[in-house]
Each structure stands twice: as structure tokens, then as C-alpha cells.
Amino acid sequence: MCKYINKTKQNNITPISPFAEYTDNAELVEALNAFSEMRNKIKRPMTDRAKKMMLDKLDSLADDDKSKIAILNQSTMNCWQGIFEL
């Protein structure tokens, strides 16, 4: 048996997603999750810090939720790693 195995217990606390804290709009959260899922499928997952940075950029690109959803859907549909103006 390896003596370097960490025997501490894993805590069962699930960290809160930056997306859940960002908005109450269910459609926007769905678009954010779809973008994140697409990133995982193209083997380019985002860290929580990268998600927060992406949300800041999303705020700079659009003022309303409808535009933010369109930006996210555009990137998801085209399998882009980032978000860009419409």
C-alpha cells in the first residue's frame, strides 16, 4: 500500500456555481450552462475563475439578458471557446 495516499475525508460541500450567483433569469442560466457544457465537450473546460471572467466580459458586451443569451447561443452554436459581439 502506498504511504503517500491522503487519508483525509472529502467534504461533501458542492461549491456554488458562479452562474447561479450571476442571475435569476432561468433562460440566461440555461444558456450559460449550455456554453459551459459545450466547452467541456470540446475538451476546453472553464475554471470557476474563467467563468467569472467570462461573466465580466459578457456584462461589457451586453446590457440586457436577451442580448447576453444571444451572445452565448452564438458561441455555443459555433463551438467558439470565447464570447464575442453579435
PDB file of N, CA and C in Angstrom:
ATOM      1  N   MET A   1       0.833  -1.177   0.000  1.00  0.00           N
ATOM      2  CA  MET A   1       0.000   0.000   0.000  1.00  0.00           C
ATOM      3  C   MET A   1       0.881   1.245   0.000  1.00  0.00           C
ATOM      4  N   CYS A   2       0.498   2.207  -0.764  1.00  0.00           N
ATOM      5  CA  CYS A   2       1.271   3.437  -0.895  1.00  0.00           C
ATOM      6  C   CYS A   2       1.146   4.279   0.371  1.00  0.00           C
ATOM      7  N   LYS A   3       2.250   4.711   0.909  1.00  0.00           N
ATOM      8  CA  LYS A   3       2.209   5.502   2.143  1.00  0.00           C
ATOM      9  C   LYS A   3       1.885   6.962   1.883  1.00  0.00           C
ATOM     10  N   TYR A   4       1.794   7.368   0.622  1.00  0.00           N
ATOM     11  CA  TYR A   4       1.533   8.762   0.300  1.00  0.00           C
ATOM     12  C   TYR A   4       0.054   9.062   0.026  1.00  0.00           C
ATOM     13  N   ILE A   5      -0.799   8.083   0.218  1.00  0.00           N
ATOM     14  CA  ILE A   5      -2.228   8.293  -0.007  1.00  0.00           C
ATOM     15  C   ILE A   5      -2.773   9.245   1.046  1.00  0.00           C
ATOM     16  N   ASN A   6      -3.497  10.225   0.615  1.00  0.00           N
ATOM     17  CA  ASN A   6      -4.115  11.189   1.517  1.00  0.00           C
ATOM     18  C   ASN A   6      -5.350  10.542   2.130  1.00  0.00           C
ATOM     19  N   LYS A   7      -5.366  10.383   3.433  1.00  0.00           N
ATOM     20  CA  LYS A   7      -6.457   9.692   4.103  1.00  0.00           C
ATOM     21  C   LYS A   7      -7.499  10.640   4.678  1.00  0.00           C
ATOM     22  N   THR A   8      -7.403  11.920   4.380  1.00  0.00           N
ATOM     23  CA  THR A   8      -8.409  12.847   4.895  1.00  0.00           C
ATOM     24  C   THR A   8      -9.714  12.654   4.148  1.00  0.00           C
ATOM     25  N   LYS A   9     -10.807  12.880   4.858  1.00  0.00           N
ATOM     26  CA  LYS A   9     -12.127  12.723   4.247  1.00  0.00           C
ATOM     27  C   LYS A   9     -12.427  13.898   3.328  1.00  0.00           C
ATOM     28  N   GLN A  10     -13.086  13.581   2.226  1.00  0.00           N
ATOM     29  CA  GLN A  10     -13.558  14.618   1.319  1.00  0.00           C
ATOM     30  C   GLN A  10     -14.832  15.204   1.913  1.00  0.00           C
ATOM     31  N   ASN A  11     -14.935  16.518   1.961  1.00  0.00           N
ATOM     32  CA  ASN A  11     -16.192  17.094   2.427  1.00  0.00           C
ATOM     33  C   ASN A  11     -17.183  17.073   1.274  1.00  0.00           C
ATOM     34  N   ASN A  12     -18.439  16.932   1.595  1.00  0.00           N
ATOM     35  CA  ASN A  12     -19.484  16.789   0.586  1.00  0.00           C
ATOM     36  C   ASN A  12     -20.118  18.117   0.225  1.00  0.00           C
ATOM     37  N   ILE A  13     -19.415  19.202   0.409  1.00  0.00           N
ATOM     38  CA  ILE A  13     -19.947  20.521   0.098  1.00  0.00           C
ATOM     39  C   ILE A  13     -19.725  20.784  -1.389  1.00  0.00           C
ATOM     40  N   THR A  14     -20.796  21.049  -2.097  1.00  0.00           N
ATOM     41  CA  THR A  14     -20.717  21.372  -3.513  1.00  0.00           C
ATOM     42  C   THR A  14     -20.577  22.884  -3.657  1.00  0.00           C
ATOM     43  N   PRO A  15     -19.526  23.333  -4.331  1.00  0.00           N
ATOM     44  CA  PRO A  15     -19.370  24.774  -4.475  1.00  0.00           C
ATOM     45  C   PRO A  15     -20.496  25.360  -5.323  1.00  0.00           C
ATOM     46  N   ILE A  16     -20.875  26.587  -5.004  1.00  0.00           N
ATOM     47  CA  ILE A  16     -21.927  27.260  -5.756  1.00  0.00           C
ATOM     48  C   ILE A  16     -21.338  27.731  -7.079  1.00  0.00           C
ATOM     49  N   SER A  17     -22.040  27.421  -8.139  1.00  0.00           N
ATOM     50  CA  SER A  17     -21.604  27.819  -9.464  1.00  0.00           C
ATOM     51  C   SER A  17     -21.653  29.335  -9.600  1.00  0.00           C
ATOM     52  N   PRO A  18     -20.666  29.926 -10.261  1.00  0.00           N
ATOM     53  CA  PRO A  18     -20.719  31.374 -10.495  1.00  0.00           C
ATOM     54  C   PRO A  18     -21.960  31.762 -11.312  1.00  0.00           C
ATOM     55  N   PHE A  19     -22.483  30.838 -12.099  1.00  0.00           N
ATOM     56  CA  PHE A  19     -23.671  31.129 -12.906  1.00  0.00           C
ATOM     57  C   PHE A  19     -24.905  31.302 -12.038  1.00  0.00           C
ATOM     58  N   ALA A  20     -25.037  30.511 -10.994  1.00  0.00           N
ATOM     59  CA  ALA A  20     -26.205  30.599 -10.112  1.00  0.00           C
ATOM     60  C   ALA A  20     -26.212  31.926  -9.348  1.00  0.00           C
ATOM     61  N   GLU A  21     -25.046  32.427  -9.027  1.00  0.00           N
ATOM     62  CA  GLU A  21     -24.937  33.702  -8.317  1.00  0.00           C
ATOM     63  C   GLU A  21     -25.130  34.891  -9.252  1.00  0.00           C
ATOM     64  N   TYR A  22     -24.952  34.678 -10.541  1.00  0.00           N
ATOM     65  CA  TYR A  22     -24.936  35.774 -11.513  1.00  0.00           C
ATOM     66  C   TYR A  22     -26.324  36.327 -11.817  1.00  0.00           C
ATOM     67  N   THR A  23     -27.318  35.443 -11.950  1.00  0.00           N
ATOM     68  CA  THR A  23     -28.633  35.897 -12.382  1.00  0.00           C
ATOM     69  C   THR A  23     -29.741  34.977 -11.883  1.00  0.00           C
ATOM     70  N   ASP A  24     -30.935  35.524 -11.832  1.00  0.00           N
ATOM     71  CA  ASP A  24     -32.123  34.734 -11.508  1.00  0.00           C
ATOM     72  C   ASP A  24     -32.881  34.329 -12.768  1.00  0.00           C
ATOM     73  N   ASN A  25     -32.468  34.839 -13.920  1.00  0.00           N
ATOM     74  CA  ASN A  25     -33.120  34.544 -15.189  1.00  0.00           C
ATOM     75  C   ASN A  25     -32.804  33.104 -15.603  1.00  0.00           C
ATOM     76  N   ALA A  26     -33.823  32.241 -15.594  1.00  0.00           N
ATOM     77  CA  ALA A  26     -33.633  30.816 -15.892  1.00  0.00           C
ATOM     78  C   ALA A  26     -33.116  30.591 -17.309  1.00  0.00           C
ATOM     79  N   GLU A  27     -33.579  31.390 -18.251  1.00  0.00           N
ATOM     80  CA  GLU A  27     -33.146  31.233 -19.638  1.00  0.00           C
ATOM     81  C   GLU A  27     -31.669  31.597 -19.798  1.00  0.00           C
ATOM     82  N   LEU A  28     -31.232  32.625 -19.088  1.00  0.00           N
ATOM     83  CA  LEU A  28     -29.829  33.022 -19.135  1.00  0.00           C
ATOM     84  C   LEU A  28     -28.944  31.969 -18.462  1.00  0.00           C
ATOM     85  N   VAL A  29     -29.388  31.427 -17.339  1.00  0.00           N
ATOM     86  CA  VAL A  29     -28.632  30.364 -16.670  1.00  0.00           C
ATOM     87  C   VAL A  29     -28.527  29.147 -17.581  1.00  0.00           C
ATOM     88  N   GLU A  30     -29.613  28.824 -18.283  1.00  0.00           N
ATOM     89  CA  GLU A  30     -29.603  27.693 -19.221  1.00  0.00           C
ATOM     90  C   GLU A  30     -28.591  27.939 -20.344  1.00  0.00           C
ATOM     91  N   ALA A  31     -28.533  29.156 -20.871  1.00  0.00           N
ATOM     92  CA  ALA A  31     -27.571  29.492 -21.928  1.00  0.00           C
ATOM     93  C   ALA A  31     -26.134  29.419 -21.399  1.00  0.00           C
ATOM     94  N   LEU A  32     -25.921  29.886 -20.176  1.00  0.00           N
ATOM     95  CA  LEU A  32     -24.596  29.808 -19.563  1.00  0.00           C
ATOM     96  C   LEU A  32     -24.166  28.359 -19.366  1.00  0.00           C
ATOM     97  N   ASN A  33     -25.077  27.528 -18.883  1.00  0.00           N
ATOM     98  CA  ASN A  33     -24.764  26.115 -18.680  1.00  0.00           C
ATOM     99  C   ASN A  33     -24.517  25.401 -20.002  1.00  0.00           C
ATOM    100  N   ALA A  34     -25.277  25.749 -21.040  1.00  0.00           N
ATOM    101  CA  ALA A  34     -25.083  25.144 -22.365  1.00  0.00           C
ATOM    102  C   ALA A  34     -23.710  25.512 -22.922  1.00  0.00           C
ATOM    103  N   PHE A  35     -23.305  26.780 -22.733  1.00  0.00           N
ATOM    104  CA  PHE A  35     -21.979  27.209 -23.179  1.00  0.00           C
ATOM    105  C   PHE A  35     -20.894  26.438 -22.439  1.00  0.00           C
ATOM    106  N   SER A  36     -21.055  26.303 -21.125  1.00  0.00           N
ATOM    107  CA  SER A  36     -20.079  25.570 -20.315  1.00  0.00           C
ATOM    108  C   SER A  36     -20.022  24.091 -20.719  1.00  0.00           C
ATOM    109  N   GLU A  37     -21.168  23.505 -20.975  1.00  0.00           N
ATOM    110  CA  GLU A  37     -21.226  22.102 -21.407  1.00  0.00           C
ATOM    111  C   GLU A  37     -20.528  21.923 -22.760  1.00  0.00           C
ATOM    112  N   MET A  38     -20.755  22.863 -23.679  1.00  0.00           N
ATOM    113  CA  MET A  38     -20.094  22.804 -24.974  1.00  0.00           C
ATOM    114  C   MET A  38     -18.585  22.886 -24.799  1.00  0.00           C
ATOM    115  N   ARG A  39     -18.124  23.776 -23.913  1.00  0.00           N
ATOM    116  CA  ARG A  39     -16.688  23.890 -23.652  1.00  0.00           C
ATOM    117  C   ARG A  39     -16.119  22.575 -23.133  1.00  0.00           C
ATOM    118  N   ASN A  40     -16.873  21.890 -22.275  1.00  0.00           N
ATOM    119  CA  ASN A  40     -16.417  20.600 -21.768  1.00  0.00           C
ATOM    120  C   ASN A  40     -16.337  19.567 -22.889  1.00  0.00           C
ATOM    121  N   LYS A  41     -17.309  19.581 -23.791  1.00  0.00           N
ATOM    122  CA  LYS A  41     -17.340  18.610 -24.888  1.00  0.00           C
ATOM    123  C   LYS A  41     -16.209  18.827 -25.879  1.00  0.00           C
ATOM    124  N   ILE A  42     -15.765  20.064 -26.053  1.00  0.00           N
ATOM    125  CA  ILE A  42     -14.637  20.311 -26.955  1.00  0.00           C
ATOM    126  C   ILE A  42     -13.304  20.222 -26.201  1.00  0.00           C
ATOM    127  N   LYS A  43     -13.393  19.714 -24.985  1.00  0.00           N
ATOM    128  CA  LYS A  43     -12.219  19.485 -24.137  1.00  0.00           C
ATOM    129  C   LYS A  43     -11.477  20.772 -23.796  1.00  0.00           C
ATOM    130  N   ARG A  44     -12.264  21.829 -23.541  1.00  0.00           N
ATOM    131  CA  ARG A  44     -11.737  23.109 -23.096  1.00  0.00           C
ATOM    132  C   ARG A  44     -12.568  23.601 -21.912  1.00  0.00           C
ATOM    133  N   PRO A  45     -12.575  22.826 -20.808  1.00  0.00           N
ATOM    134  CA  PRO A  45     -13.407  23.234 -19.661  1.00  0.00           C
ATOM    135  C   PRO A  45     -12.906  24.534 -19.043  1.00  0.00           C
ATOM    136  N   MET A  46     -13.833  25.253 -18.424  1.00  0.00           N
ATOM    137  CA  MET A  46     -13.507  26.523 -17.795  1.00  0.00           C
ATOM    138  C   MET A  46     -13.407  26.344 -16.284  1.00  0.00           C
ATOM    139  N   THR A  47     -12.417  26.984 -15.692  1.00  0.00           N
ATOM    140  CA  THR A  47     -12.315  27.008 -14.238  1.00  0.00           C
ATOM    141  C   THR A  47     -13.351  27.996 -13.710  1.00  0.00           C
ATOM    142  N   ASP A  48     -13.582  27.989 -12.408  1.00  0.00           N
ATOM    143  CA  ASP A  48     -14.507  28.957 -11.823  1.00  0.00           C
ATOM    144  C   ASP A  48     -14.017  30.378 -12.056  1.00  0.00           C
ATOM    145  N   ARG A  49     -12.718  30.581 -12.014  1.00  0.00           N
ATOM    146  CA  ARG A  49     -12.169  31.919 -12.266  1.00  0.00           C
ATOM    147  C   ARG A  49     -12.423  32.334 -13.711  1.00  0.00           C
ATOM    148  N   ALA A  50     -12.241  31.409 -14.641  1.00  0.00           N
ATOM    149  CA  ALA A  50     -12.506  31.707 -16.052  1.00  0.00           C
ATOM    150  C   ALA A  50     -13.982  32.019 -16.276  1.00  0.00           C
ATOM    151  N   LYS A  51     -14.858  31.325 -15.555  1.00  0.00           N
ATOM    152  CA  LYS A  51     -16.298  31.597 -15.664  1.00  0.00           C
ATOM    153  C   LYS A  51     -16.612  33.010 -15.182  1.00  0.00           C
ATOM    154  N   LYS A  52     -15.999  33.413 -14.078  1.00  0.00           N
ATOM    155  CA  LYS A  52     -16.233  34.764 -13.559  1.00  0.00           C
ATOM    156  C   LYS A  52     -15.715  35.823 -14.527  1.00  0.00           C
ATOM    157  N   MET A  53     -14.565  35.563 -15.135  1.00  0.00           N
ATOM    158  CA  MET A  53     -14.014  36.492 -16.116  1.00  0.00           C
ATOM    159  C   MET A  53     -14.912  36.571 -17.350  1.00  0.00           C
ATOM    160  N   MET A  54     -15.458  35.439 -17.770  1.00  0.00           N
ATOM    161  CA  MET A  54     -16.361  35.411 -18.911  1.00  0.00           C
ATOM    162  C   MET A  54     -17.632  36.199 -18.604  1.00  0.00           C
ATOM    163  N   LEU A  55     -18.139  36.092 -17.376  1.00  0.00           N
ATOM    164  CA  LEU A  55     -19.326  36.850 -16.982  1.00  0.00           C
ATOM    165  C   LEU A  55     -19.053  38.352 -16.997  1.00  0.00           C
ATOM    166  N   ASP A  56     -17.865  38.760 -16.579  1.00  0.00           N
ATOM    167  CA  ASP A  56     -17.488  40.176 -16.646  1.00  0.00           C
ATOM    168  C   ASP A  56     -17.453  40.657 -18.091  1.00  0.00           C
ATOM    169  N   LYS A  57     -16.897  39.836 -18.969  1.00  0.00           N
ATOM    170  CA  LYS A  57     -16.850  40.195 -20.380  1.00  0.00           C
ATOM    171  C   LYS A  57     -18.254  40.248 -20.964  1.00  0.00           C
ATOM    172  N   LEU A  58     -19.110  39.315 -20.563  1.00  0.00           N
ATOM    173  CA  LEU A  58     -20.491  39.305 -21.036  1.00  0.00           C
ATOM    174  C   LEU A  58     -21.202  40.596 -20.635  1.00  0.00           C
ATOM    175  N   ASP A  59     -20.948  41.057 -19.414  1.00  0.00           N
ATOM    176  CA  ASP A  59     -21.528  42.330 -18.954  1.00  0.00           C
ATOM    177  C   ASP A  59     -21.041  43.506 -19.792  1.00  0.00           C
ATOM    178  N   SER A  60     -19.796  43.457 -20.237  1.00  0.00           N
ATOM    179  CA  SER A  60     -19.264  44.559 -21.044  1.00  0.00           C
ATOM    180  C   SER A  60     -19.801  44.524 -22.481  1.00  0.00           C
ATOM    181  N   LEU A  61     -20.197  43.338 -22.947  1.00  0.00           N
ATOM    182  CA  LEU A  61     -20.704  43.212 -24.318  1.00  0.00           C
ATOM    183  C   LEU A  61     -22.187  43.528 -24.445  1.00  0.00           C
ATOM    184  N   ALA A  62     -22.957  43.308 -23.373  1.00  0.00           N
ATOM    185  CA  ALA A  62     -24.413  43.487 -23.462  1.00  0.00           C
ATOM    186  C   ALA A  62     -24.970  43.981 -22.140  1.00  0.00           C
ATOM    187  N   ASP A  63     -26.032  44.769 -22.239  1.00  0.00           N
ATOM    188  CA  ASP A  63     -26.669  45.315 -21.044  1.00  0.00           C
ATOM    189  C   ASP A  63     -27.907  44.533 -20.616  1.00  0.00           C
ATOM    190  N   ASP A  64     -28.570  43.883 -21.568  1.00  0.00           N
ATOM    191  CA  ASP A  64     -29.808  43.187 -21.225  1.00  0.00           C
ATOM    192  C   ASP A  64     -29.648  41.674 -21.392  1.00  0.00           C
ATOM    193  N   ASP A  65     -30.493  40.926 -20.688  1.00  0.00           N
ATOM    194  CA  ASP A  65     -30.406  39.463 -20.688  1.00  0.00           C
ATOM    195  C   ASP A  65     -30.625  38.868 -22.073  1.00  0.00           C
ATOM    196  N   LYS A  66     -31.530  39.454 -22.855  1.00  0.00           N
ATOM    197  CA  LYS A  66     -31.823  38.934 -24.192  1.00  0.00           C
ATOM    198  C   LYS A  66     -30.568  38.946 -25.066  1.00  0.00           C
ATOM    199  N   SER A  67     -29.802  40.011 -25.018  1.00  0.00           N
ATOM    200  CA  SER A  67     -28.562  40.115 -25.796  1.00  0.00           C
ATOM    201  C   SER A  67     -27.500  39.151 -25.274  1.00  0.00           C
ATOM    202  N   LYS A  68     -27.428  39.010 -23.951  1.00  0.00           N
ATOM    203  CA  LYS A  68     -26.461  38.084 -23.361  1.00  0.00           C
ATOM    204  C   LYS A  68     -26.751  36.656 -23.794  1.00  0.00           C
ATOM    205  N   ILE A  69     -28.024  36.283 -23.819  1.00  0.00           N
ATOM    206  CA  ILE A  69     -28.422  34.947 -24.259  1.00  0.00           C
ATOM    207  C   ILE A  69     -28.040  34.747 -25.721  1.00  0.00           C
ATOM    208  N   ALA A  70     -28.277  35.758 -26.563  1.00  0.00           N
ATOM    209  CA  ALA A  70     -27.934  35.666 -27.982  1.00  0.00           C
ATOM    210  C   ALA A  70     -26.426  35.496 -28.174  1.00  0.00           C
ATOM    211  N   ILE A  71     -25.635  36.223 -27.398  1.00  0.00           N
ATOM    212  CA  ILE A  71     -24.173  36.106 -27.476  1.00  0.00           C
ATOM    213  C   ILE A  71     -23.734  34.690 -27.096  1.00  0.00           C
ATOM    214  N   LEU A  72     -24.280  34.181 -26.001  1.00  0.00           N
ATOM    215  CA  LEU A  72     -23.919  32.832 -25.555  1.00  0.00           C
ATOM    216  C   LEU A  72     -24.355  31.777 -26.564  1.00  0.00           C
ATOM    217  N   ASN A  73     -25.567  31.920 -27.110  1.00  0.00           N
ATOM    218  CA  ASN A  73     -26.061  30.954 -28.097  1.00  0.00           C
ATOM    219  C   ASN A  73     -25.216  30.974 -29.367  1.00  0.00           C
ATOM    220  N   GLN A  74     -24.779  32.166 -29.769  1.00  0.00           N
ATOM    221  CA  GLN A  74     -23.911  32.286 -30.939  1.00  0.00           C
ATOM    222  C   GLN A  74     -22.618  31.500 -30.723  1.00  0.00           C
ATOM    223  N   SER A  75     -21.999  31.662 -29.572  1.00  0.00           N
ATOM    224  CA  SER A  75     -20.744  30.961 -29.285  1.00  0.00           C
ATOM    225  C   SER A  75     -20.960  29.459 -29.134  1.00  0.00           C
ATOM    226  N   THR A  76     -22.064  29.074 -28.519  1.00  0.00           N
ATOM    227  CA  THR A  76     -22.360  27.656 -28.340  1.00  0.00           C
ATOM    228  C   THR A  76     -22.596  26.985 -29.689  1.00  0.00           C
ATOM    229  N   MET A  77     -23.394  27.630 -30.526  1.00  0.00           N
ATOM    230  CA  MET A  77     -23.731  27.061 -31.826  1.00  0.00           C
ATOM    231  C   MET A  77     -22.494  26.884 -32.711  1.00  0.00           C
ATOM    232  N   ASN A  78     -21.556  27.810 -32.616  1.00  0.00           N
ATOM    233  CA  ASN A  78     -20.362  27.760 -33.452  1.00  0.00           C
ATOM    234  C   ASN A  78     -19.175  27.074 -32.779  1.00  0.00           C
ATOM    235  N   CYS A  79     -19.392  26.571 -31.564  1.00  0.00           N
ATOM    236  CA  CYS A  79     -18.329  25.907 -30.777  1.00  0.00           C
ATOM    237  C   CYS A  79     -17.111  26.804 -30.590  1.00  0.00           C
ATOM    238  N   TRP A  80     -17.382  28.086 -30.345  1.00  0.00           N
ATOM    239  CA  TRP A  80     -16.304  29.019 -30.068  1.00  0.00           C
ATOM    240  C   TRP A  80     -15.901  28.905 -28.608  1.00  0.00           C
ATOM    241  N   GLN A  81     -14.620  29.050 -28.340  1.00  0.00           N
ATOM    242  CA  GLN A  81     -14.125  28.965 -26.966  1.00  0.00           C
ATOM    243  C   GLN A  81     -14.441  30.222 -26.164  1.00  0.00           C
ATOM    244  N   GLY A  82     -14.669  31.320 -26.842  1.00  0.00           N
ATOM    245  CA  GLY A  82     -14.934  32.583 -26.164  1.00  0.00           C
ATOM    246  C   GLY A  82     -16.275  33.159 -26.573  1.00  0.00           C
ATOM    247  N   ILE A  83     -16.561  34.342 -26.021  1.00  0.00           N
ATOM    248  CA  ILE A  83     -17.785  35.046 -26.375  1.00  0.00           C
ATOM    249  C   ILE A  83     -17.401  36.332 -27.103  1.00  0.00           C
ATOM    250  N   PHE A  84     -18.230  36.682 -28.091  1.00  0.00           N
ATOM    251  CA  PHE A  84     -17.934  37.816 -28.948  1.00  0.00           C
ATOM    252  C   PHE A  84     -19.189  38.604 -29.246  1.00  0.00           C
ATOM    253  N   GLU A  85     -19.010  39.837 -29.712  1.00  0.00           N
ATOM    254  CA  GLU A  85     -20.149  40.672 -30.087  1.00  0.00           C
ATOM    255  C   GLU A  85     -21.005  39.938 -31.118  1.00  0.00           C
ATOM    256  N   LEU A  86     -22.274  40.306 -31.139  1.00  0.00           N
ATOM    257  CA  LEU A  86     -23.164  39.757 -32.160  1.00  0.00           C
ATOM    258  C   LEU A  86     -22.807  40.332 -33.519  1.00  0.00           C
TER     259      LEU A  86
END
